[in-house]
Amino acid sequence: MIVDPQLLVAFVVTTAVAMVVPGPDMLFVLGCGIRGGARAGLLATCGVATSEAIHVALAAAGLTALFAAVPTAFNVVRVIGAAYLIYLGVQAIRGRGKLEMSEASDEVAGLGGRQAYLRGCLTNLLNPKMVTFTIALLPQFVSPQLGQIWLQFVVLGAILVAFEFLVDGSVGLLAGRIGGLLRRRRAVRRGLDVTAGAIFIGLGVRLAVEK
């Protein structure tokens, strides 16, 4: 196996939950779809996915070299990543339901398809939270014992990008209806935030205590 099966399942579940919960990327894509139509929403998703692929490639190149040169660095990154996941969980629970549609829609007024792609790419590429998230999250699901660390990063990165297209791409295509649901059904968003927060905290604790 290229990736540890248990870690792969945990990664898929974590990524799915993280993608489904409305966040800045989803709201940006949603705003593009509402303002510029389905094509703009889909191209905005392509832009976000492109920047995610770049983040994963940079993380894979840098962390693979670091883990090879300093084996103990993996444990350091693991502990930092676990703490970050717990932080994300606490923040999700504390800020449940507070993310507003207007935060994204105001930024994308009048964007065409090409502009939506470039804005999605640049916004996510220059987002320090995305850098931290990539560096903190992906190594938690890499097993040095299996070797070929870079290839494990490629597999995980491909899954991350696939979820981006599946979830946010669908949001962009169905922007009008989904936009109304996200604006009106705050209780649903609160439930998703609490669920995501609990999963992140549980995963962070598990990663912190395991050897």
Protein backbone atom coordinates (compact mmCIF):
# COMPACT_ATOMS: atom_id res chain seq x y z
CA MET A 1 0.00 0.00 0.00
CA ILE A 2 1.23 3.48 -0.88
CA VAL A 3 -0.71 5.02 2.03
CA ASP A 4 -1.61 3.41 5.35
CA PRO A 5 -5.26 2.25 4.96
CA GLN A 6 -6.35 3.49 8.40
CA LEU A 7 -4.71 6.86 7.88
CA LEU A 8 -6.29 7.06 4.43
CA VAL A 9 -9.78 6.49 5.82
CA ALA A 10 -9.17 9.10 8.54
CA PHE A 11 -7.93 11.57 5.93
CA VAL A 12 -10.93 11.05 3.67
CA VAL A 13 -13.36 11.55 6.57
CA THR A 14 -11.53 14.62 7.86
CA THR A 15 -11.28 16.19 4.40
CA ALA A 16 -14.93 15.49 3.63
CA VAL A 17 -16.07 17.16 6.84
CA ALA A 18 -13.73 20.11 6.35
CA MET A 19 -14.98 20.63 2.79
CA VAL A 20 -18.69 20.36 3.60
CA VAL A 21 -18.55 22.96 6.38
CA PRO A 22 -19.06 26.42 4.80
CA GLY A 23 -15.75 28.29 4.86
CA PRO A 24 -14.08 31.19 3.01
CA ASP A 25 -13.32 29.12 -0.12
CA MET A 26 -16.87 27.80 -0.38
CA LEU A 27 -18.36 31.25 0.13
CA PHE A 28 -15.98 32.74 -2.43
CA VAL A 29 -17.02 30.13 -5.01
CA LEU A 30 -20.66 30.63 -4.05
CA GLY A 31 -20.37 34.39 -4.53
CA CYS A 32 -18.74 33.91 -7.93
CA GLY A 33 -21.51 31.55 -9.00
CA ILE A 34 -24.26 33.90 -7.86
CA ARG A 35 -22.70 36.96 -9.49
CA GLY A 36 -21.25 35.41 -12.66
CA GLY A 37 -23.22 32.22 -13.20
CA ALA A 38 -22.32 28.53 -13.09
CA ARG A 39 -19.26 28.96 -15.34
CA ALA A 40 -17.74 31.59 -13.06
CA GLY A 41 -18.43 29.42 -10.02
CA LEU A 42 -16.74 26.42 -11.62
CA LEU A 43 -13.73 28.47 -12.75
CA ALA A 44 -13.40 29.93 -9.26
CA THR A 45 -13.25 26.35 -7.99
CA CYS A 46 -10.53 25.60 -10.55
CA GLY A 47 -8.54 28.54 -9.24
CA VAL A 48 -8.83 27.41 -5.63
CA ALA A 49 -7.93 23.83 -6.62
CA THR A 50 -4.88 25.04 -8.56
CA SER A 51 -3.54 26.89 -5.53
CA GLU A 52 -4.19 23.84 -3.33
CA ALA A 53 -2.15 21.67 -5.70
CA ILE A 54 0.70 24.19 -5.49
CA HIS A 55 0.51 24.22 -1.69
CA VAL A 56 0.61 20.41 -1.57
CA ALA A 57 3.56 20.25 -3.98
CA LEU A 58 5.57 22.77 -1.94
CA ALA A 59 4.71 21.02 1.32
CA ALA A 60 5.64 17.63 -0.13
CA ALA A 61 8.97 18.85 -1.46
CA GLY A 62 10.00 20.67 1.69
CA LEU A 63 8.71 18.23 4.30
CA THR A 64 9.95 15.14 2.46
CA ALA A 65 13.48 16.55 2.45
CA LEU A 66 13.18 17.60 6.10
CA PHE A 67 11.93 14.20 7.27
CA ALA A 68 14.74 12.46 5.39
CA ALA A 69 17.45 14.72 6.85
CA VAL A 70 16.05 14.93 10.40
CA PRO A 71 13.85 11.93 11.29
CA THR A 72 12.78 13.47 14.60
CA ALA A 73 11.31 16.39 12.66
CA PHE A 74 8.34 14.18 11.80
CA ASN A 75 7.39 13.91 15.48
CA VAL A 76 7.77 17.67 15.90
CA VAL A 77 5.49 18.34 12.94
CA ARG A 78 3.06 15.69 14.21
CA VAL A 79 2.71 17.37 17.60
CA ILE A 80 2.37 20.83 16.06
CA GLY A 81 -0.19 19.52 13.62
CA ALA A 82 -2.17 17.82 16.37
CA ALA A 83 -2.25 21.07 18.35
CA TYR A 84 -3.41 22.93 15.24
CA LEU A 85 -6.21 20.45 14.62
CA ILE A 86 -7.41 20.88 18.20
CA TYR A 87 -7.27 24.65 17.71
CA LEU A 88 -9.34 24.35 14.52
CA GLY A 89 -11.89 22.25 16.39
CA VAL A 90 -12.23 24.75 19.22
CA GLN A 91 -12.53 27.65 16.77
CA ALA A 92 -15.19 25.82 14.76
CA ILE A 93 -17.29 25.21 17.87
CA ARG A 94 -16.81 28.72 19.25
CA GLY A 95 -17.63 30.40 15.93
CA ARG A 96 -20.45 28.06 14.90
CA GLY A 97 -22.85 29.62 12.42
CA LYS A 98 -21.18 33.04 12.41
CA LEU A 99 -19.68 32.98 8.90
CA GLU A 100 -21.79 35.25 6.71
CA MET A 101 -22.47 35.04 3.00
CA SER A 102 -21.75 38.76 2.60
CA GLU A 103 -18.09 38.21 3.51
CA ALA A 104 -17.50 36.51 0.17
CA SER A 105 -20.15 37.99 -2.11
CA ASP A 106 -18.97 41.56 -1.58
CA GLU A 107 -15.50 40.60 -2.83
CA VAL A 108 -16.58 39.01 -6.10
CA ALA A 109 -19.15 41.46 -7.45
CA GLY A 110 -18.97 41.68 -11.23
CA LEU A 111 -16.29 39.02 -11.72
CA GLY A 112 -16.10 37.20 -15.04
CA GLY A 113 -14.92 33.62 -15.50
CA ARG A 114 -11.24 34.44 -16.04
CA GLN A 115 -11.22 36.91 -13.17
CA ALA A 116 -12.94 34.38 -10.92
CA TYR A 117 -10.22 31.81 -11.69
CA LEU A 118 -7.35 34.22 -11.06
CA ARG A 119 -8.92 35.65 -7.91
CA GLY A 120 -9.61 32.16 -6.56
CA CYS A 121 -6.05 31.06 -7.28
CA LEU A 122 -4.34 34.15 -5.86
CA THR A 123 -6.62 34.49 -2.84
CA ASN A 124 -6.04 30.92 -1.71
CA LEU A 125 -2.37 30.84 -2.75
CA LEU A 126 -1.58 33.87 -0.58
CA ASN A 127 -3.73 32.71 2.34
CA PRO A 128 -1.40 31.99 5.31
CA LYS A 129 -4.10 29.84 6.90
CA MET A 130 -4.05 27.52 3.89
CA VAL A 131 -0.26 27.24 4.13
CA THR A 132 -0.50 26.35 7.81
CA PHE A 133 -3.39 23.97 7.21
CA THR A 134 -1.51 22.10 4.47
CA ILE A 135 1.69 21.79 6.45
CA ALA A 136 -0.12 20.81 9.64
CA LEU A 137 -2.74 18.48 8.20
CA LEU A 138 -1.14 16.37 5.49
CA PRO A 139 1.84 15.03 7.50
CA GLN A 140 -0.60 13.59 10.06
CA PHE A 141 -1.67 11.03 7.47
CA VAL A 142 1.79 10.17 6.14
CA SER A 143 3.54 7.04 7.42
CA PRO A 144 7.37 7.27 7.21
CA GLN A 145 7.55 3.51 7.75
CA LEU A 146 5.98 2.91 4.32
CA GLY A 147 8.62 5.01 2.56
CA GLN A 148 8.07 7.09 -0.59
CA ILE A 149 6.86 10.02 1.47
CA TRP A 150 6.55 12.25 -1.59
CA LEU A 151 4.24 9.72 -3.26
CA GLN A 152 2.03 9.61 -0.16
CA PHE A 153 1.78 13.40 -0.35
CA VAL A 154 0.76 13.13 -4.01
CA VAL A 155 -2.04 10.67 -3.18
CA LEU A 156 -3.35 12.79 -0.30
CA GLY A 157 -3.07 15.96 -2.35
CA ALA A 158 -5.01 14.38 -5.22
CA ILE A 159 -7.80 13.43 -2.80
CA LEU A 160 -7.86 16.97 -1.40
CA VAL A 161 -8.15 18.51 -4.87
CA ALA A 162 -10.82 15.95 -5.87
CA PHE A 163 -12.93 16.93 -2.85
CA GLU A 164 -12.46 20.58 -3.77
CA PHE A 165 -14.01 19.98 -7.18
CA LEU A 166 -16.70 17.67 -5.82
CA VAL A 167 -17.92 19.98 -3.05
CA ASP A 168 -17.07 23.55 -4.02
CA GLY A 169 -17.55 22.78 -7.71
CA SER A 170 -21.09 21.66 -6.93
CA VAL A 171 -21.62 24.83 -4.90
CA GLY A 172 -20.48 26.95 -7.84
CA LEU A 173 -22.78 25.17 -10.27
CA LEU A 174 -25.78 25.31 -7.95
CA ALA A 175 -24.94 28.72 -6.52
CA GLY A 176 -28.40 30.24 -6.44
CA ARG A 177 -30.18 27.49 -4.54
CA ILE A 178 -27.29 26.67 -2.23
CA GLY A 179 -26.76 30.37 -1.50
CA GLY A 180 -30.30 30.63 -0.21
CA LEU A 181 -29.91 27.55 1.98
CA LEU A 182 -26.67 28.81 3.53
CA ARG A 183 -28.21 32.20 4.23
CA ARG A 184 -31.44 30.90 5.79
CA ARG A 185 -30.54 27.67 7.56
CA ARG A 186 -28.06 28.82 10.17
CA ALA A 187 -29.02 25.93 12.44
CA VAL A 188 -27.69 23.49 9.84
CA ARG A 189 -24.43 25.39 9.63
CA ARG A 190 -24.11 25.42 13.40
CA GLY A 191 -24.58 21.66 13.49
CA LEU A 192 -21.93 21.17 10.81
CA ASP A 193 -19.50 23.44 12.66
CA VAL A 194 -19.97 21.55 15.94
CA THR A 195 -19.57 18.18 14.21
CA ALA A 196 -16.45 19.31 12.40
CA GLY A 197 -15.02 20.79 15.60
CA ALA A 198 -15.56 17.55 17.52
CA ILE A 199 -13.89 15.51 14.76
CA PHE A 200 -10.90 17.85 14.58
CA ILE A 201 -10.43 17.82 18.35
CA GLY A 202 -10.76 14.04 18.55
CA LEU A 203 -8.29 13.52 15.73
CA GLY A 204 -5.86 16.02 17.22
CA VAL A 205 -5.93 14.30 20.61
CA ARG A 206 -5.44 10.88 18.99
CA LEU A 207 -2.47 12.11 16.98
CA ALA A 208 -0.93 13.81 19.99
CA VAL A 209 -0.97 10.74 22.24
CA GLU A 210 -0.12 7.98 19.77
CA LYS A 211 3.50 6.89 19.32
